[in-house]
Amino acid sequence: MSKFHDTGPAAALIRLGERLPAPPAPLGAYVPVRAAGDLMFTSGMLPMRDGAVAYTGRVGADLTVDQAREAAVLCARNAVAALAAALGGVEALANIREIVQVTGHVLSAEGFSDQSAVVDGASAWLMEVFGEAGRHTRLALGAFALPRNAAVELALVVRIGPP
């Protein structure tokens, strides 16, 4: 077994005691992942669990920052699950050379301005799973409305190549 295999994303998920969920089905006329050259883009991922949005409402009113961070992690898990499916399975996550960018939208109560703390949940999880390749640029925005009243929506851009 190669050193990268022992320390790659699949091994990190095992160490974290996590199993990726089945990738959520698209909620409209779009694809969950699209490749362009050596980049892969995910569609916006909601905090879906078992076919339903697990975290709804406005952060700063209906949900705490900690709850919203959990929602952001669930969005990231769903995005990585969609990438794994597109690449051919969880072991194929080793083909992700780096997480290039994370874009997070946070359904925000009036006056709430801690969107970066919410999206940090996803950022930290991605760095746990991908190590140094998980470091990324990021955009964390407040939103007036999100699909299905989801608390968070997250999209990833990753660069792929041979492991």
N, C-alpha and C. Protein backbone atom coordinates (compact mmCIF):
# COMPACT_ATOMS: atom_id res chain seq x y z
N MET A 1 0.85 -1.17 0.00
CA MET A 1 0.00 0.00 0.00
C MET A 1 0.90 1.24 0.00
N SER A 2 0.62 2.20 -0.86
CA SER A 2 1.46 3.40 -0.95
C SER A 2 1.22 4.30 0.25
N LYS A 3 2.20 5.16 0.51
CA LYS A 3 2.07 6.11 1.61
C LYS A 3 0.88 7.03 1.38
N PHE A 4 0.68 7.50 0.11
CA PHE A 4 -0.45 8.39 -0.16
C PHE A 4 -1.76 7.69 0.13
N HIS A 5 -1.86 6.41 -0.26
CA HIS A 5 -3.09 5.67 0.00
C HIS A 5 -3.37 5.62 1.50
N ASP A 6 -2.31 5.39 2.29
CA ASP A 6 -2.47 5.31 3.75
C ASP A 6 -2.89 6.64 4.36
N THR A 7 -2.57 7.74 3.67
CA THR A 7 -2.84 9.05 4.26
C THR A 7 -3.79 9.88 3.42
N GLY A 8 -4.36 9.31 2.38
CA GLY A 8 -5.24 10.06 1.49
C GLY A 8 -6.62 10.28 2.08
N PRO A 9 -7.50 10.87 1.28
CA PRO A 9 -8.84 11.21 1.76
C PRO A 9 -9.66 10.00 2.24
N ALA A 10 -9.57 8.87 1.55
CA ALA A 10 -10.34 7.69 1.98
C ALA A 10 -9.87 7.23 3.36
N ALA A 11 -8.56 7.22 3.58
CA ALA A 11 -8.02 6.84 4.89
C ALA A 11 -8.40 7.86 5.96
N ALA A 12 -8.40 9.14 5.59
CA ALA A 12 -8.78 10.19 6.55
C ALA A 12 -10.23 10.01 6.99
N LEU A 13 -11.11 9.67 6.05
CA LEU A 13 -12.51 9.44 6.41
C LEU A 13 -12.63 8.29 7.39
N ILE A 14 -11.85 7.23 7.17
CA ILE A 14 -11.87 6.09 8.10
C ILE A 14 -11.37 6.52 9.47
N ARG A 15 -10.25 7.26 9.50
CA ARG A 15 -9.71 7.75 10.78
C ARG A 15 -10.72 8.62 11.52
N LEU A 16 -11.49 9.41 10.77
CA LEU A 16 -12.49 10.29 11.38
C LEU A 16 -13.76 9.53 11.75
N GLY A 17 -13.82 8.26 11.39
CA GLY A 17 -15.01 7.46 11.68
C GLY A 17 -16.20 7.88 10.84
N GLU A 18 -15.94 8.38 9.64
CA GLU A 18 -17.02 8.88 8.78
C GLU A 18 -17.16 8.03 7.54
N ARG A 19 -18.37 7.98 7.08
CA ARG A 19 -18.68 7.36 5.80
C ARG A 19 -19.45 8.40 4.99
N LEU A 20 -19.05 8.58 3.75
CA LEU A 20 -19.74 9.58 2.92
C LEU A 20 -21.17 9.14 2.67
N PRO A 21 -22.08 10.10 2.67
CA PRO A 21 -23.47 9.76 2.33
C PRO A 21 -23.60 9.48 0.84
N ALA A 22 -24.72 8.90 0.45
CA ALA A 22 -25.01 8.82 -0.98
C ALA A 22 -25.15 10.24 -1.49
N PRO A 23 -24.62 10.54 -2.67
CA PRO A 23 -24.72 11.92 -3.15
C PRO A 23 -26.19 12.30 -3.34
N PRO A 24 -26.55 13.50 -2.91
CA PRO A 24 -27.95 13.92 -3.07
C PRO A 24 -28.33 14.04 -4.54
N ALA A 25 -29.55 13.68 -4.86
CA ALA A 25 -30.06 13.83 -6.22
C ALA A 25 -30.27 15.32 -6.50
N PRO A 26 -30.02 15.75 -7.73
CA PRO A 26 -30.29 17.15 -8.08
C PRO A 26 -31.76 17.49 -7.82
N LEU A 27 -31.99 18.71 -7.39
CA LEU A 27 -33.35 19.18 -7.10
C LEU A 27 -33.93 19.95 -8.27
N GLY A 28 -33.28 19.89 -9.42
CA GLY A 28 -33.74 20.62 -10.60
C GLY A 28 -33.04 20.10 -11.84
N ALA A 29 -33.06 20.91 -12.88
CA ALA A 29 -32.49 20.54 -14.18
C ALA A 29 -31.02 20.94 -14.25
N TYR A 30 -30.18 20.23 -13.52
CA TYR A 30 -28.74 20.49 -13.51
C TYR A 30 -28.02 19.21 -13.13
N VAL A 31 -26.71 19.20 -13.29
CA VAL A 31 -25.90 18.06 -12.88
C VAL A 31 -25.17 18.41 -11.58
N PRO A 32 -24.90 17.42 -10.75
CA PRO A 32 -24.23 17.72 -9.47
C PRO A 32 -22.76 18.09 -9.62
N VAL A 33 -22.10 17.56 -10.66
CA VAL A 33 -20.67 17.82 -10.86
C VAL A 33 -20.42 17.97 -12.35
N ARG A 34 -19.54 18.91 -12.69
CA ARG A 34 -19.14 19.10 -14.09
C ARG A 34 -17.62 19.28 -14.11
N ALA A 35 -16.95 18.54 -14.99
CA ALA A 35 -15.51 18.67 -15.18
C ALA A 35 -15.23 19.59 -16.36
N ALA A 36 -14.18 20.39 -16.22
CA ALA A 36 -13.70 21.25 -17.30
C ALA A 36 -12.18 21.23 -17.22
N GLY A 37 -11.56 20.47 -18.11
CA GLY A 37 -10.11 20.31 -18.03
C GLY A 37 -9.75 19.58 -16.76
N ASP A 38 -8.81 20.15 -16.00
CA ASP A 38 -8.42 19.50 -14.75
C ASP A 38 -9.17 20.06 -13.54
N LEU A 39 -10.25 20.78 -13.79
CA LEU A 39 -11.08 21.30 -12.70
C LEU A 39 -12.42 20.59 -12.68
N MET A 40 -12.93 20.40 -11.47
CA MET A 40 -14.29 19.89 -11.29
C MET A 40 -15.05 20.88 -10.43
N PHE A 41 -16.28 21.15 -10.82
CA PHE A 41 -17.14 22.11 -10.14
C PHE A 41 -18.36 21.35 -9.60
N THR A 42 -18.68 21.57 -8.33
CA THR A 42 -19.93 21.00 -7.84
C THR A 42 -21.02 22.06 -7.94
N SER A 43 -22.23 21.59 -8.11
CA SER A 43 -23.38 22.48 -7.97
C SER A 43 -23.50 22.85 -6.50
N GLY A 44 -24.33 23.81 -6.20
CA GLY A 44 -24.57 24.16 -4.81
C GLY A 44 -25.16 22.97 -4.07
N MET A 45 -24.55 22.61 -2.96
CA MET A 45 -25.01 21.48 -2.15
C MET A 45 -25.69 22.01 -0.90
N LEU A 46 -26.84 21.44 -0.61
CA LEU A 46 -27.59 21.79 0.59
C LEU A 46 -27.27 20.79 1.70
N PRO A 47 -27.61 21.11 2.94
CA PRO A 47 -27.39 20.17 4.04
C PRO A 47 -28.46 19.07 4.04
N MET A 48 -28.41 18.23 3.01
CA MET A 48 -29.39 17.15 2.83
C MET A 48 -28.97 15.92 3.62
N ARG A 49 -29.95 15.30 4.24
CA ARG A 49 -29.74 14.02 4.91
C ARG A 49 -30.98 13.18 4.66
N ASP A 50 -30.79 12.00 4.11
CA ASP A 50 -31.91 11.08 3.84
C ASP A 50 -33.00 11.74 3.00
N GLY A 51 -32.60 12.52 2.01
CA GLY A 51 -33.54 13.12 1.08
C GLY A 51 -34.26 14.36 1.56
N ALA A 52 -33.89 14.87 2.73
CA ALA A 52 -34.54 16.07 3.26
C ALA A 52 -33.48 17.06 3.74
N VAL A 53 -33.84 18.34 3.73
CA VAL A 53 -32.93 19.36 4.26
C VAL A 53 -32.90 19.22 5.79
N ALA A 54 -31.70 19.00 6.32
CA ALA A 54 -31.55 18.73 7.75
C ALA A 54 -31.47 20.00 8.60
N TYR A 55 -31.07 21.11 8.02
CA TYR A 55 -30.95 22.37 8.76
C TYR A 55 -31.65 23.46 7.96
N THR A 56 -32.72 23.99 8.50
CA THR A 56 -33.47 25.06 7.83
C THR A 56 -33.57 26.27 8.74
N GLY A 57 -33.80 27.40 8.12
CA GLY A 57 -34.00 28.63 8.87
C GLY A 57 -32.80 29.55 8.83
N ARG A 58 -33.02 30.73 9.39
CA ARG A 58 -32.02 31.79 9.37
C ARG A 58 -31.03 31.65 10.53
N VAL A 59 -29.74 31.74 10.16
CA VAL A 59 -28.69 31.71 11.16
C VAL A 59 -28.70 33.05 11.88
N GLY A 60 -28.63 32.99 13.19
CA GLY A 60 -28.72 34.20 13.99
C GLY A 60 -30.12 34.45 14.52
N ALA A 61 -31.09 33.65 14.07
CA ALA A 61 -32.47 33.75 14.57
C ALA A 61 -32.99 32.34 14.90
N ASP A 62 -33.05 31.49 13.87
CA ASP A 62 -33.57 30.13 14.04
C ASP A 62 -32.50 29.12 14.41
N LEU A 63 -31.27 29.40 14.00
CA LEU A 63 -30.15 28.49 14.24
C LEU A 63 -28.97 29.25 14.83
N THR A 64 -28.18 28.56 15.65
CA THR A 64 -26.96 29.13 16.20
C THR A 64 -25.83 28.98 15.18
N VAL A 65 -24.74 29.66 15.43
CA VAL A 65 -23.56 29.51 14.58
C VAL A 65 -23.08 28.06 14.60
N ASP A 66 -23.07 27.42 15.77
CA ASP A 66 -22.62 26.03 15.86
C ASP A 66 -23.51 25.10 15.03
N GLN A 67 -24.81 25.29 15.08
CA GLN A 67 -25.71 24.47 14.26
C GLN A 67 -25.46 24.73 12.78
N ALA A 68 -25.23 25.97 12.41
CA ALA A 68 -24.97 26.30 11.02
C ALA A 68 -23.63 25.74 10.55
N ARG A 69 -22.64 25.70 11.44
CA ARG A 69 -21.36 25.06 11.10
C ARG A 69 -21.57 23.58 10.79
N GLU A 70 -22.42 22.92 11.57
CA GLU A 70 -22.76 21.51 11.31
C GLU A 70 -23.42 21.39 9.94
N ALA A 71 -24.29 22.33 9.62
CA ALA A 71 -24.93 22.33 8.29
C ALA A 71 -23.90 22.49 7.20
N ALA A 72 -22.92 23.36 7.40
CA ALA A 72 -21.87 23.57 6.40
C ALA A 72 -21.04 22.31 6.21
N VAL A 73 -20.75 21.60 7.29
CA VAL A 73 -20.01 20.34 7.17
C VAL A 73 -20.83 19.33 6.38
N LEU A 74 -22.11 19.25 6.64
CA LEU A 74 -22.97 18.33 5.90
C LEU A 74 -22.99 18.69 4.41
N CYS A 75 -23.04 19.97 4.09
CA CYS A 75 -22.94 20.41 2.69
C CYS A 75 -21.63 19.94 2.07
N ALA A 76 -20.53 20.11 2.80
CA ALA A 76 -19.21 19.70 2.29
C ALA A 76 -19.17 18.19 2.10
N ARG A 77 -19.72 17.44 3.03
CA ARG A 77 -19.76 15.97 2.90
C ARG A 77 -20.54 15.58 1.65
N ASN A 78 -21.67 16.26 1.41
CA ASN A 78 -22.47 15.96 0.23
C ASN A 78 -21.71 16.31 -1.05
N ALA A 79 -20.98 17.42 -1.04
CA ALA A 79 -20.20 17.81 -2.21
C ALA A 79 -19.10 16.79 -2.49
N VAL A 80 -18.41 16.35 -1.44
CA VAL A 80 -17.35 15.35 -1.62
C VAL A 80 -17.95 14.02 -2.06
N ALA A 81 -19.13 13.67 -1.57
CA ALA A 81 -19.80 12.45 -2.03
C ALA A 81 -20.13 12.54 -3.51
N ALA A 82 -20.57 13.71 -3.96
CA ALA A 82 -20.87 13.90 -5.38
C ALA A 82 -19.59 13.80 -6.21
N LEU A 83 -18.50 14.36 -5.71
CA LEU A 83 -17.22 14.25 -6.41
C LEU A 83 -16.76 12.80 -6.47
N ALA A 84 -16.89 12.07 -5.35
CA ALA A 84 -16.50 10.66 -5.33
C ALA A 84 -17.30 9.87 -6.36
N ALA A 85 -18.59 10.13 -6.44
CA ALA A 85 -19.43 9.43 -7.42
C ALA A 85 -18.98 9.75 -8.84
N ALA A 86 -18.67 11.01 -9.10
CA ALA A 86 -18.24 11.41 -10.45
C ALA A 86 -16.87 10.82 -10.81
N LEU A 87 -16.03 10.64 -9.80
CA LEU A 87 -14.68 10.13 -10.05
C LEU A 87 -14.61 8.61 -10.06
N GLY A 88 -15.65 7.93 -9.55
CA GLY A 88 -15.65 6.47 -9.57
C GLY A 88 -15.56 5.80 -8.21
N GLY A 89 -15.74 6.55 -7.13
CA GLY A 89 -15.74 5.94 -5.80
C GLY A 89 -14.86 6.69 -4.83
N VAL A 90 -15.00 6.33 -3.56
CA VAL A 90 -14.29 7.07 -2.50
C VAL A 90 -12.77 6.96 -2.66
N GLU A 91 -12.27 5.81 -3.12
CA GLU A 91 -10.82 5.68 -3.33
C GLU A 91 -10.31 6.65 -4.39
N ALA A 92 -11.17 6.99 -5.35
CA ALA A 92 -10.79 7.91 -6.43
C ALA A 92 -10.65 9.35 -5.94
N LEU A 93 -11.05 9.62 -4.71
CA LEU A 93 -10.81 10.96 -4.16
C LEU A 93 -9.33 11.28 -4.11
N ALA A 94 -8.47 10.26 -4.18
CA ALA A 94 -7.02 10.46 -4.24
C ALA A 94 -6.63 11.25 -5.49
N ASN A 95 -7.52 11.30 -6.49
CA ASN A 95 -7.25 12.08 -7.71
C ASN A 95 -7.45 13.58 -7.51
N ILE A 96 -8.01 13.97 -6.38
CA ILE A 96 -8.17 15.40 -6.11
C ILE A 96 -6.85 15.93 -5.61
N ARG A 97 -6.23 16.79 -6.42
CA ARG A 97 -4.93 17.35 -6.07
C ARG A 97 -5.06 18.48 -5.07
N GLU A 98 -6.16 19.26 -5.21
CA GLU A 98 -6.38 20.34 -4.25
C GLU A 98 -7.82 20.82 -4.33
N ILE A 99 -8.30 21.31 -3.21
CA ILE A 99 -9.56 22.04 -3.17
C ILE A 99 -9.17 23.47 -3.53
N VAL A 100 -9.68 23.96 -4.64
CA VAL A 100 -9.29 25.28 -5.12
C VAL A 100 -10.11 26.36 -4.41
N GLN A 101 -11.43 26.19 -4.40
CA GLN A 101 -12.28 27.23 -3.82
C GLN A 101 -13.54 26.63 -3.22
N VAL A 102 -13.97 27.24 -2.13
CA VAL A 102 -15.25 26.95 -1.49
C VAL A 102 -16.08 28.22 -1.54
N THR A 103 -17.30 28.10 -2.02
CA THR A 103 -18.24 29.22 -2.00
C THR A 103 -19.40 28.81 -1.10
N GLY A 104 -19.63 29.59 -0.06
CA GLY A 104 -20.70 29.29 0.88
C GLY A 104 -21.70 30.43 0.98
N HIS A 105 -22.97 30.08 0.96
CA HIS A 105 -24.05 31.04 1.16
C HIS A 105 -24.75 30.65 2.45
N VAL A 106 -24.97 31.63 3.32
CA VAL A 106 -25.57 31.39 4.63
C VAL A 106 -26.87 32.17 4.71
N LEU A 107 -27.97 31.47 4.95
CA LEU A 107 -29.27 32.12 5.14
C LEU A 107 -29.19 32.89 6.45
N SER A 108 -29.16 34.21 6.36
CA SER A 108 -28.80 35.05 7.51
C SER A 108 -29.97 35.89 8.01
N ALA A 109 -30.08 35.94 9.33
CA ALA A 109 -31.03 36.85 9.96
C ALA A 109 -30.53 38.28 9.78
N GLU A 110 -31.44 39.22 9.86
CA GLU A 110 -31.06 40.63 9.77
C GLU A 110 -30.01 40.94 10.83
N GLY A 111 -28.93 41.57 10.40
CA GLY A 111 -27.86 41.94 11.32
C GLY A 111 -26.81 40.86 11.55
N PHE A 112 -27.04 39.64 11.08
CA PHE A 112 -26.06 38.56 11.26
C PHE A 112 -24.89 38.79 10.30
N SER A 113 -23.67 38.76 10.82
CA SER A 113 -22.51 39.04 9.97
C SER A 113 -21.36 38.08 10.22
N ASP A 114 -21.65 36.90 10.74
CA ASP A 114 -20.60 35.93 11.04
C ASP A 114 -20.61 34.76 10.06
N GLN A 115 -20.90 35.04 8.79
CA GLN A 115 -20.95 34.00 7.77
C GLN A 115 -19.64 33.23 7.68
N SER A 116 -18.51 33.92 7.85
CA SER A 116 -17.22 33.24 7.74
C SER A 116 -17.06 32.15 8.80
N ALA A 117 -17.58 32.40 10.01
CA ALA A 117 -17.51 31.38 11.07
C ALA A 117 -18.33 30.15 10.71
N VAL A 118 -19.44 30.36 10.02
CA VAL A 118 -20.28 29.23 9.58
C VAL A 118 -19.54 28.40 8.55
N VAL A 119 -19.04 29.05 7.50
CA VAL A 119 -18.38 28.33 6.41
C VAL A 119 -17.06 27.73 6.87
N ASP A 120 -16.48 28.27 7.95
CA ASP A 120 -15.27 27.67 8.54
C ASP A 120 -15.49 26.20 8.91
N GLY A 121 -16.72 25.83 9.26
CA GLY A 121 -17.00 24.43 9.58
C GLY A 121 -16.65 23.54 8.40
N ALA A 122 -17.09 23.93 7.21
CA ALA A 122 -16.78 23.17 6.00
C ALA A 122 -15.29 23.22 5.69
N SER A 123 -14.69 24.40 5.82
CA SER A 123 -13.26 24.54 5.53
C SER A 123 -12.42 23.63 6.42
N ALA A 124 -12.71 23.62 7.71
CA ALA A 124 -11.95 22.78 8.65
C ALA A 124 -12.11 21.30 8.31
N TRP A 125 -13.34 20.89 7.99
CA TRP A 125 -13.58 19.48 7.65
C TRP A 125 -12.82 19.10 6.38
N LEU A 126 -12.84 19.95 5.38
CA LEU A 126 -12.11 19.65 4.14
C LEU A 126 -10.62 19.52 4.39
N MET A 127 -10.06 20.34 5.28
CA MET A 127 -8.64 20.24 5.60
C MET A 127 -8.35 18.97 6.39
N GLU A 128 -9.29 18.53 7.23
CA GLU A 128 -9.11 17.26 7.94
C GLU A 128 -9.07 16.09 6.96
N VAL A 129 -9.92 16.13 5.95
CA VAL A 129 -10.02 15.02 5.01
C VAL A 129 -8.91 15.05 3.97
N PHE A 130 -8.58 16.22 3.44
CA PHE A 130 -7.63 16.33 2.33
C PHE A 130 -6.26 16.82 2.75
N GLY A 131 -6.07 17.12 4.02
CA GLY A 131 -4.77 17.60 4.47
C GLY A 131 -4.43 18.93 3.81
N GLU A 132 -3.17 19.11 3.49
CA GLU A 132 -2.72 20.36 2.88
C GLU A 132 -3.45 20.65 1.57
N ALA A 133 -3.84 19.61 0.84
CA ALA A 133 -4.59 19.80 -0.41
C ALA A 133 -5.99 20.36 -0.15
N GLY A 134 -6.42 20.34 1.11
CA GLY A 134 -7.73 20.88 1.47
C GLY A 134 -7.73 22.38 1.70
N ARG A 135 -6.56 23.01 1.76
CA ARG A 135 -6.50 24.47 1.91
C ARG A 135 -7.02 25.11 0.64
N HIS A 136 -7.81 26.16 0.76
CA HIS A 136 -8.51 26.70 -0.40
C HIS A 136 -8.78 28.19 -0.24
N THR A 137 -9.15 28.80 -1.35
CA THR A 137 -9.70 30.15 -1.28
C THR A 137 -11.18 30.00 -0.94
N ARG A 138 -11.79 31.11 -0.48
CA ARG A 138 -13.16 30.96 -0.02
C ARG A 138 -13.94 32.26 -0.15
N LEU A 139 -15.22 32.08 -0.37
CA LEU A 139 -16.17 33.17 -0.38
C LEU A 139 -17.31 32.76 0.55
N ALA A 140 -17.60 33.58 1.56
CA ALA A 140 -18.69 33.30 2.50
C ALA A 140 -19.65 34.49 2.46
N LEU A 141 -20.86 34.23 1.98
CA LEU A 141 -21.84 35.30 1.77
C LEU A 141 -23.09 35.08 2.59
N GLY A 142 -23.71 36.18 2.99
CA GLY A 142 -25.03 36.12 3.60
C GLY A 142 -26.08 36.12 2.50
N ALA A 143 -27.16 35.40 2.72
CA ALA A 143 -28.22 35.31 1.72
C ALA A 143 -29.56 35.62 2.36
N PHE A 144 -30.44 36.25 1.57
CA PHE A 144 -31.80 36.54 2.00
C PHE A 144 -32.67 35.29 1.90
N ALA A 145 -32.42 34.46 0.89
CA ALA A 145 -33.19 33.22 0.69
C ALA A 145 -32.28 32.18 0.06
N LEU A 146 -32.51 30.90 0.41
CA LEU A 146 -31.82 29.78 -0.21
C LEU A 146 -32.85 28.71 -0.56
N PRO A 147 -32.54 27.82 -1.49
CA PRO A 147 -33.50 26.78 -1.86
C PRO A 147 -33.97 25.97 -0.64
N ARG A 148 -35.26 25.71 -0.61
CA ARG A 148 -35.88 24.89 0.44
C ARG A 148 -35.63 25.40 1.86
N ASN A 149 -35.37 26.68 1.96
CA ASN A 149 -35.13 27.32 3.26
C ASN A 149 -33.90 26.74 3.97
N ALA A 150 -32.96 26.17 3.18
CA ALA A 150 -31.74 25.61 3.75
C ALA A 150 -30.93 26.70 4.42
N ALA A 151 -30.29 26.35 5.53
CA ALA A 151 -29.48 27.31 6.27
C ALA A 151 -28.18 27.65 5.54
N VAL A 152 -27.67 26.69 4.77
CA VAL A 152 -26.38 26.87 4.10
C VAL A 152 -26.45 26.20 2.73
N GLU A 153 -25.75 26.79 1.75
CA GLU A 153 -25.53 26.16 0.46
C GLU A 153 -24.05 26.34 0.14
N LEU A 154 -23.43 25.28 -0.36
CA LEU A 154 -21.98 25.27 -0.54
C LEU A 154 -21.64 24.67 -1.90
N ALA A 155 -20.65 25.27 -2.59
CA ALA A 155 -20.14 24.72 -3.84
C ALA A 155 -18.62 24.66 -3.77
N LEU A 156 -18.05 23.64 -4.44
CA LEU A 156 -16.61 23.45 -4.45
C LEU A 156 -16.08 23.51 -5.88
N VAL A 157 -14.83 23.96 -5.98
CA VAL A 157 -14.05 23.82 -7.21
C VAL A 157 -12.80 23.05 -6.77
N VAL A 158 -12.50 21.94 -7.47
CA VAL A 158 -11.32 21.14 -7.13
C VAL A 158 -10.50 20.91 -8.39
N ARG A 159 -9.20 20.72 -8.18
CA ARG A 159 -8.30 20.38 -9.28
C ARG A 159 -7.98 18.90 -9.17
N ILE A 160 -8.08 18.20 -10.30
CA ILE A 160 -7.84 16.76 -10.29
C ILE A 160 -6.60 16.43 -11.12
N GLY A 161 -6.04 15.27 -10.86
CA GLY A 161 -4.88 14.77 -11.59
C GLY A 161 -4.58 13.39 -11.08
N PRO A 162 -3.62 12.70 -11.69
CA PRO A 162 -3.30 11.35 -11.22
C PRO A 162 -2.71 11.38 -9.82
N PRO A 163 -3.05 10.37 -9.03
CA PRO A 163 -2.50 10.34 -7.65
C PRO A 163 -1.00 10.13 -7.63
